[in-house]
Amino acid sequence: MQESNSNLDFVPIKFHVITPKLQDDKKLVPCLKLSLVVDIKTGQVTGLGQVYNTERPDVIVISNLQGNWSYQRTSETVNIVLLAKGFGPLFKDNVAQMGNVENLRVHIHLANNWRTGVAQYEFLHEACWTSIDNGIIFVDGQCQAASSEQLTKVQRIGS
């Protein structure tokens, strides 16, 4: 029986998703922080997502995320697709109204080095869903370079 390398099976990685200012709301400039653990064996991701407002220090949405990642081949490149849903409290006027509701949906396309990409996400705030398209993804912090290096070494392409 072959032993699994547990250091390579679970890889932590953090992303920031910078988003354009919404035209219909002058006070809301949302950004998304993702702190994820990537399960190399199963193709699953779990972690924490936070949507926050860059114009004010308010955290708008806090989510426990669960989802999947996989490779996507095109004729010229191999990219990574990550899909996740988040559940957490529903806030109104910065006060939690009820807990454990679906409040975040994330769809990410990453370069095969796990360092850059584009995200679409929706979040539930004040009982209203807001959609963000074309968010720019960055790996959060220099210490994350090791995690993304570790992820690029995984030989899952074609499996």
Protein backbone atom coordinates (compact mmCIF):
# COMPACT_ATOMS: atom_id res chain seq x y z
CA MET A 1 0.00 0.00 0.00
CA GLN A 2 1.41 3.36 -1.03
CA GLU A 3 1.54 6.02 1.68
CA SER A 4 0.08 9.41 0.91
CA ASN A 5 2.16 12.54 1.38
CA SER A 6 -0.18 14.46 3.71
CA ASN A 7 1.88 17.64 3.28
CA LEU A 8 0.89 17.65 -0.37
CA ASP A 9 -2.71 16.45 0.05
CA PHE A 10 -3.94 19.62 1.77
CA VAL A 11 -2.58 23.00 0.70
CA PRO A 12 -3.66 26.31 2.28
CA ILE A 13 -3.91 29.33 0.01
CA LYS A 14 -5.31 32.83 0.40
CA PHE A 15 -6.70 35.06 -2.33
CA HIS A 16 -7.88 38.64 -2.60
CA VAL A 17 -10.44 39.45 -5.27
CA ILE A 18 -10.37 43.14 -6.19
CA THR A 19 -13.58 44.30 -7.82
CA PRO A 20 -14.65 47.37 -9.76
CA LYS A 21 -16.84 49.97 -8.07
CA LEU A 22 -20.53 49.24 -8.55
CA GLN A 23 -22.26 51.91 -10.61
CA ASP A 24 -25.59 51.66 -8.78
CA ASP A 25 -24.22 52.10 -5.26
CA LYS A 26 -21.75 54.88 -4.53
CA LYS A 27 -21.09 53.63 -0.98
CA LEU A 28 -20.39 49.97 -1.79
CA VAL A 29 -17.03 48.91 -3.21
CA PRO A 30 -16.88 45.20 -2.36
CA CYS A 31 -13.79 43.03 -2.29
CA LEU A 32 -13.51 39.36 -1.42
CA LYS A 33 -10.95 37.58 0.77
CA LEU A 34 -10.69 33.82 0.49
CA SER A 35 -8.77 31.61 2.93
CA LEU A 36 -8.96 28.13 1.45
CA VAL A 37 -7.61 24.65 1.99
CA VAL A 38 -7.23 22.78 -1.28
CA ASP A 39 -7.62 19.00 -1.08
CA ILE A 40 -5.44 17.67 -3.87
CA LYS A 41 -6.74 14.10 -3.68
CA THR A 42 -10.48 14.79 -3.82
CA GLY A 43 -10.57 18.07 -5.77
CA GLN A 44 -12.42 19.79 -2.93
CA VAL A 45 -11.88 23.18 -1.33
CA THR A 46 -13.07 24.41 2.04
CA GLY A 47 -12.46 27.62 3.89
CA LEU A 48 -13.63 31.06 4.80
CA GLY A 49 -14.85 33.87 2.57
CA GLN A 50 -15.30 37.50 3.58
CA VAL A 51 -16.85 40.20 1.44
CA TYR A 52 -15.89 43.60 2.78
CA ASN A 53 -16.43 47.21 1.77
CA THR A 54 -13.30 49.12 0.78
CA GLU A 55 -15.00 52.50 1.34
CA ARG A 56 -15.86 51.65 4.96
CA PRO A 57 -14.32 49.02 7.22
CA ASP A 58 -17.55 47.00 7.25
CA VAL A 59 -17.51 43.27 6.70
CA ILE A 60 -20.60 42.62 4.62
CA VAL A 61 -20.63 38.82 4.40
CA ILE A 62 -18.87 36.05 6.31
CA SER A 63 -19.13 32.55 4.79
CA ASN A 64 -18.00 29.03 5.41
CA LEU A 65 -17.14 27.85 1.91
CA GLN A 66 -17.29 24.41 0.36
CA GLY A 67 -16.68 23.56 -3.25
CA ASN A 68 -14.59 21.86 -5.89
CA TRP A 69 -11.73 22.62 -8.21
CA SER A 70 -10.67 20.99 -11.45
CA TYR A 71 -8.46 21.51 -14.47
CA GLN A 72 -10.00 22.90 -17.64
CA ARG A 73 -8.19 22.32 -20.91
CA THR A 74 -8.54 24.60 -23.90
CA SER A 75 -6.71 24.27 -27.19
CA GLU A 76 -3.94 26.56 -25.94
CA THR A 77 -3.87 26.44 -22.14
CA VAL A 78 -4.76 24.53 -19.02
CA ASN A 79 -6.58 26.57 -16.38
CA ILE A 80 -8.12 25.83 -13.02
CA VAL A 81 -11.82 26.27 -12.32
CA LEU A 82 -12.93 26.64 -8.73
CA LEU A 83 -16.63 26.65 -7.74
CA ALA A 84 -17.80 27.17 -4.16
CA LYS A 85 -20.87 28.10 -2.14
CA GLY A 86 -20.80 29.78 1.23
CA PHE A 87 -23.14 29.70 4.19
CA GLY A 88 -23.24 32.02 7.17
CA PRO A 89 -25.24 34.69 8.98
CA LEU A 90 -27.50 37.12 7.15
CA PHE A 91 -26.75 40.70 8.22
CA LYS A 92 -29.07 43.73 8.27
CA ASP A 93 -27.69 47.08 9.44
CA ASN A 94 -24.48 45.25 10.46
CA VAL A 95 -26.41 42.99 12.89
CA ALA A 96 -26.76 39.24 12.29
CA GLN A 97 -30.44 38.46 11.69
CA MET A 98 -30.28 34.70 11.11
CA GLY A 99 -27.54 32.15 10.68
CA ASN A 100 -26.52 29.44 8.23
CA VAL A 101 -28.12 30.76 5.05
CA GLU A 102 -26.51 30.58 1.61
CA ASN A 103 -24.83 33.96 1.28
CA LEU A 104 -21.95 33.57 -1.20
CA ARG A 105 -21.43 31.91 -4.60
CA VAL A 106 -17.96 31.94 -6.12
CA HIS A 107 -16.85 30.99 -9.66
CA ILE A 108 -13.11 31.40 -10.28
CA HIS A 109 -10.86 30.83 -13.31
CA LEU A 110 -7.20 30.62 -12.29
CA ALA A 111 -4.01 30.35 -14.27
CA ASN A 112 -2.42 26.92 -13.88
CA ASN A 113 0.09 28.40 -11.41
CA TRP A 114 -2.76 29.22 -8.94
CA ARG A 115 -1.51 32.82 -8.61
CA THR A 116 -3.75 34.96 -10.82
CA GLY A 117 -7.17 34.81 -12.36
CA VAL A 118 -10.64 36.21 -12.70
CA ALA A 119 -13.64 35.71 -10.42
CA GLN A 120 -17.37 36.09 -10.62
CA TYR A 121 -19.18 36.03 -7.32
CA GLU A 122 -22.55 36.82 -5.79
CA PHE A 123 -23.20 37.73 -2.19
CA LEU A 124 -26.34 38.16 -0.11
CA HIS A 125 -26.44 41.40 1.85
CA GLU A 126 -29.44 43.15 3.40
CA ALA A 127 -31.71 40.45 1.83
CA CYS A 128 -30.50 41.33 -1.69
CA TRP A 129 -28.10 39.43 -3.97
CA THR A 130 -25.30 41.48 -5.59
CA SER A 131 -23.33 40.09 -8.54
CA ILE A 132 -19.70 40.95 -9.24
CA ASP A 133 -18.10 40.14 -12.59
CA ASN A 134 -14.46 40.29 -13.66
CA GLY A 135 -12.92 40.52 -10.21
CA ILE A 136 -9.13 40.31 -10.38
CA ILE A 137 -7.55 37.60 -8.20
CA PHE A 138 -4.23 37.94 -6.41
CA VAL A 139 -2.48 35.51 -4.07
CA ASP A 140 -2.46 37.14 -0.65
CA GLY A 141 1.03 37.63 0.76
CA GLN A 142 4.51 36.46 -0.11
CA CYS A 143 4.21 33.43 2.16
CA GLN A 144 1.57 32.06 -0.19
CA ALA A 145 4.09 31.59 -2.98
CA ALA A 146 5.09 28.27 -1.42
CA SER A 147 1.47 27.07 -1.46
CA SER A 148 0.94 27.97 -5.09
CA GLU A 149 4.31 26.40 -5.99
CA GLN A 150 3.18 23.23 -4.24
CA LEU A 151 -0.10 23.25 -6.14
CA THR A 152 1.56 23.66 -9.54
CA LYS A 153 3.63 20.51 -8.89
CA VAL A 154 0.52 18.35 -8.60
CA GLN A 155 0.18 16.10 -11.63
CA ARG A 156 -3.61 15.94 -11.98
CA ILE A 157 -3.78 17.07 -15.60
CA GLY A 158 -5.40 14.38 -17.66
CA SER A 159 -6.39 12.22 -14.69
